[in-house]
C-alpha atoms as a PDB file:
ATOM      1  CA  MET A   1      85.346  99.690  85.670  1.00  0.00           C
ATOM      2  CA  GLY A   2      89.064 100.379  85.514  1.00  0.00           C
ATOM      3  CA  VAL A   3      91.822  98.181  86.866  1.00  0.00           C
ATOM      4  CA  VAL A   4      92.342 100.289  89.998  1.00  0.00           C
ATOM      5  CA  GLU A   5      88.630 100.221  90.792  1.00  0.00           C
ATOM      6  CA  ARG A   6      88.456  96.432  90.325  1.00  0.00           C
ATOM      7  CA  ILE A   7      91.460  95.997  92.623  1.00  0.00           C
ATOM      8  CA  TRP A   8      89.806  98.182  95.273  1.00  0.00           C
ATOM      9  CA  VAL A   9      86.513  96.281  95.123  1.00  0.00           C
ATOM     10  CA  ALA A  10      88.350  92.947  95.387  1.00  0.00           C
ATOM     11  CA  PHE A  11      90.543  94.286  98.206  1.00  0.00           C
ATOM     12  CA  ALA A  12      87.470  95.695  99.973  1.00  0.00           C
ATOM     13  CA  ALA A  13      85.583  92.413  99.667  1.00  0.00           C
ATOM     14  CA  LEU A  14      88.498  90.371 100.999  1.00  0.00           C
ATOM     15  CA  ASN A  15      89.012  92.822 103.834  1.00  0.00           C
ATOM     16  CA  GLY A  16      85.321  92.679 104.687  1.00  0.00           C
ATOM     17  CA  ALA A  17      85.588  88.897 104.949  1.00  0.00           C
ATOM     18  CA  ILE A  18      88.746  89.156 107.059  1.00  0.00           C
ATOM     19  CA  ALA A  19      87.091  91.708 109.364  1.00  0.00           C
ATOM     20  CA  VAL A  20      84.116  89.395 109.944  1.00  0.00           C
ATOM     21  CA  GLY A  21      86.471  86.502 110.643  1.00  0.00           C
ATOM     22  CA  ALA A  22      88.508  88.688 112.984  1.00  0.00           C
ATOM     23  CA  GLY A  23      85.395  89.536 114.962  1.00  0.00           C
ATOM     24  CA  ALA A  24      84.528  85.866 115.320  1.00  0.00           C
ATOM     25  CA  TYR A  25      88.084  85.009 116.298  1.00  0.00           C
ATOM     26  CA  ALA A  26      88.129  87.816 118.864  1.00  0.00           C
ATOM     27  CA  SER A  27      84.972  86.455 120.462  1.00  0.00           C
ATOM     28  CA  HIS A  28      85.897  82.774 120.424  1.00  0.00           C
ATOM     29  CA  GLY A  29      89.617  82.297 119.875  1.00  0.00           C
ATOM     30  CA  LEU A  30      90.773  85.071 122.175  1.00  0.00           C
ATOM     31  CA  ALA A  31      88.140  84.584 124.886  1.00  0.00           C
ATOM     32  CA  GLY A  32      90.734  84.380 127.665  1.00  0.00           C
ATOM     33  CA  ASP A  33      92.584  87.569 126.756  1.00  0.00           C
ATOM     34  CA  PRO A  34      90.485  90.779 127.009  1.00  0.00           C
ATOM     35  CA  ARG A  35      93.314  93.021 125.724  1.00  0.00           C
ATOM     36  CA  ALA A  36      93.822  90.867 122.627  1.00  0.00           C
ATOM     37  CA  GLN A  37      90.054  90.769 122.092  1.00  0.00           C
ATOM     38  CA  ASP A  38      89.853  94.562 122.249  1.00  0.00           C
ATOM     39  CA  LEU A  39      92.750  94.999 119.808  1.00  0.00           C
ATOM     40  CA  PHE A  40      91.276  92.470 117.383  1.00  0.00           C
ATOM     41  CA  ARG A  41      87.822  94.036 117.525  1.00  0.00           C
ATOM     42  CA  LEU A  42      89.186  97.536 117.018  1.00  0.00           C
ATOM     43  CA  ALA A  43      91.310  96.407 114.077  1.00  0.00           C
ATOM     44  CA  GLY A  44      88.313  94.635 112.550  1.00  0.00           C
ATOM     45  CA  GLN A  45      86.044  97.651 112.959  1.00  0.00           C
ATOM     46  CA  TYR A  46      88.464  99.991 111.222  1.00  0.00           C
ATOM     47  CA  GLN A  47      89.147  97.398 108.560  1.00  0.00           C
ATOM     48  CA  MET A  48      85.436  96.933 107.833  1.00  0.00           C
ATOM     49  CA  TRP A  49      84.599 100.632 107.764  1.00  0.00           C
ATOM     50  CA  HIS A  50      87.432 101.375 105.383  1.00  0.00           C
ATOM     51  CA  ALA A  51      86.648  98.368 103.196  1.00  0.00           C
ATOM     52  CA  LEU A  52      83.153  99.825 102.808  1.00  0.00           C
ATOM     53  CA  ALA A  53      84.641 103.274 102.216  1.00  0.00           C
ATOM     54  CA  LEU A  54      86.743 101.843  99.376  1.00  0.00           C
ATOM     55  CA  VAL A  55      83.606 100.545  97.678  1.00  0.00           C
ATOM     56  CA  GLY A  56      82.065 103.994  98.084  1.00  0.00           C
ATOM     57  CA  LEU A  57      85.141 105.589  96.551  1.00  0.00           C
ATOM     58  CA  VAL A  58      84.809 103.329  93.526  1.00  0.00           C
ATOM     59  CA  VAL A  59      81.255 104.581  93.011  1.00  0.00           C
ATOM     60  CA  LEU A  60      82.349 108.202  93.430  1.00  0.00           C
ATOM     61  CA  ALA A  61      85.466 107.831  91.264  1.00  0.00           C
ATOM     62  CA  ARG A  62      83.445 106.371  88.409  1.00  0.00           C
ATOM     63  CA  ARG A  63      81.285 109.493  88.371  1.00  0.00           C
ATOM     64  CA  ALA A  64      83.977 112.054  89.149  1.00  0.00           C
ATOM     65  CA  GLY A  65      86.014 113.693  86.484  1.00  0.00           C
ATOM     66  CA  GLY A  66      89.563 114.978  86.187  1.00  0.00           C
ATOM     67  CA  PRO A  67      91.169 116.235  89.396  1.00  0.00           C
ATOM     68  CA  ALA A  68      88.337 114.933  91.586  1.00  0.00           C
ATOM     69  CA  ARG A  69      88.916 111.409  90.278  1.00  0.00           C
ATOM     70  CA  LEU A  70      92.643 111.702  90.972  1.00  0.00           C
ATOM     71  CA  ALA A  71      91.946 112.952  94.495  1.00  0.00           C
ATOM     72  CA  LEU A  72      89.553 110.065  95.146  1.00  0.00           C
ATOM     73  CA  ARG A  73      92.137 107.598  93.900  1.00  0.00           C
ATOM     74  CA  ALA A  74      94.674 109.116  96.282  1.00  0.00           C
ATOM     75  CA  ALA A  75      92.150 108.743  99.118  1.00  0.00           C
ATOM     76  CA  GLY A  76      91.641 105.110  98.159  1.00  0.00           C
ATOM     77  CA  TRP A  77      95.347 104.373  98.343  1.00  0.00           C
ATOM     78  CA  LEU A  78      95.476 106.108 101.716  1.00  0.00           C
ATOM     79  CA  PHE A  79      92.643 103.851 102.952  1.00  0.00           C
ATOM     80  CA  VAL A  80      94.471 100.766 101.658  1.00  0.00           C
ATOM     81  CA  THR A  81      97.621 101.929 103.452  1.00  0.00           C
ATOM     82  CA  GLY A  82      95.645 102.562 106.626  1.00  0.00           C
ATOM     83  CA  ILE A  83      94.076  99.104 106.580  1.00  0.00           C
ATOM     84  CA  LEU A  84      97.435  97.435 106.136  1.00  0.00           C
ATOM     85  CA  LEU A  85      99.324  99.507 108.710  1.00  0.00           C
ATOM     86  CA  PHE A  86      96.675 100.188 111.350  1.00  0.00           C
ATOM     87  CA  SER A  87      94.617  97.018 111.341  1.00  0.00           C
ATOM     88  CA  GLY A  88      97.570  94.803 110.469  1.00  0.00           C
ATOM     89  CA  THR A  89      99.630  96.158 113.345  1.00  0.00           C
ATOM     90  CA  LEU A  90      96.783  95.754 115.840  1.00  0.00           C
ATOM     91  CA  TYR A  91      96.211  92.145 114.746  1.00  0.00           C
ATOM     92  CA  ALA A  92      99.925  91.435 115.154  1.00  0.00           C
ATOM     93  CA  LEU A  93      99.993  93.088 118.581  1.00  0.00           C
ATOM     94  CA  ALA A  94      96.988  91.050 119.712  1.00  0.00           C
ATOM     95  CA  LEU A  95      98.593  87.797 118.644  1.00  0.00           C
ATOM     96  CA  SER A  96     102.200  88.485 119.599  1.00  0.00           C
ATOM     97  CA  GLY A  97     102.250  91.093 122.330  1.00  0.00           C
ATOM     98  CA  PRO A  98     104.587  94.102 122.147  1.00  0.00           C
ATOM     99  CA  LEU A  99     106.376  94.445 118.827  1.00  0.00           C
ATOM    100  CA  ALA A 100     109.003  96.741 117.399  1.00  0.00           C
ATOM    101  CA  ILE A 101     106.565  97.608 114.585  1.00  0.00           C
ATOM    102  CA  ALA A 102     103.883  98.867 116.986  1.00  0.00           C
ATOM    103  CA  MET A 103     104.548 102.436 115.898  1.00  0.00           C
ATOM    104  CA  THR A 104     103.208 101.667 112.435  1.00  0.00           C
ATOM    105  CA  ALA A 105      99.649 101.740 113.808  1.00  0.00           C
ATOM    106  CA  PRO A 106      99.691 105.545 114.203  1.00  0.00           C
ATOM    107  CA  LEU A 107     100.971 105.833 110.625  1.00  0.00           C
ATOM    108  CA  GLY A 108      97.992 103.779 109.490  1.00  0.00           C
ATOM    109  CA  GLY A 109      95.634 105.956 111.521  1.00  0.00           C
ATOM    110  CA  THR A 110      97.179 109.022 109.939  1.00  0.00           C
ATOM    111  CA  ALA A 111      96.657 107.495 106.485  1.00  0.00           C
ATOM    112  CA  PHE A 112      92.964 106.945 107.331  1.00  0.00           C
ATOM    113  CA  MET A 113      92.557 110.565 108.443  1.00  0.00           C
ATOM    114  CA  LEU A 114      94.385 111.933 105.410  1.00  0.00           C
ATOM    115  CA  GLY A 115      92.206 109.801 103.161  1.00  0.00           C
ATOM    116  CA  TRP A 116      89.053 111.324 104.627  1.00  0.00           C
ATOM    117  CA  VAL A 117      90.511 114.836 104.325  1.00  0.00           C
ATOM    118  CA  VAL A 118      91.302 114.191 100.659  1.00  0.00           C
ATOM    119  CA  VAL A 119      87.705 113.021 100.071  1.00  0.00           C
ATOM    120  CA  ALA A 120      86.432 116.238 101.682  1.00  0.00           C
ATOM    121  CA  LEU A 121      88.802 118.357  99.601  1.00  0.00           C
ATOM    122  CA  ALA A 122      87.743 116.553  96.436  1.00  0.00           C
ATOM    123  CA  ALA A 123      84.123 117.418  97.181  1.00  0.00           C
ATOM    124  CA  LEU A 124      84.765 121.006  98.257  1.00  0.00           C
ATOM    125  CA  VAL A 125      87.547 122.105  95.925  1.00  0.00           C
ATOM    126  CA  PHE A 126      86.168 120.574  92.757  1.00  0.00           C
ATOM    127  CA  GLY A 127      82.587 121.606  93.604  1.00  0.00           C
ATOM    128  CA  GLY A 128      80.275 121.359  90.627  1.00  0.00           C
ATOM    129  CA  ARG A 129      82.726 119.245  88.674  1.00  0.00           C
ATOM    130  CA  PHE A 130      82.773 116.574  91.394  1.00  0.00           C
ATOM    131  CA  PHE A 131      80.002 114.635  89.671  1.00  0.00           C
ATOM    132  CA  GLU A 132      80.050 115.007  85.950  1.00  0.00           C
ATOM    133  CA  ASP A 133      77.459 113.374  83.762  1.00  0.00           C
ATOM    134  CA  ARG A 134      78.916 110.183  82.374  1.00  0.00           C
END
């Protein structure tokens, strides 16, 4: 496994742990604030799904060759960006209220969507070469 793939797996694992902790904190630590609970839960859900998606990309990238591998790596970096911007902003909003950085959440959401589009393009554009025998 290459350095990038190891970083993604470690990042995914840590983000999975953070997402679980965020869910617990939303239920117990933010019990008196329904808006903060909703923001925390939403951030945790997106964080967990994209942490799992990163692990899936590692599996795909290890089997993909050439341009497909590069596309999957780009998708991975988009997912990392999305986790940091989208989930991070929602956590901050839940804990602090309105912030000047609130507009970074849509950028993170856009990064998530672009990541998924890049995965689809990698599968469709590179067709039969998507999974090479390794």
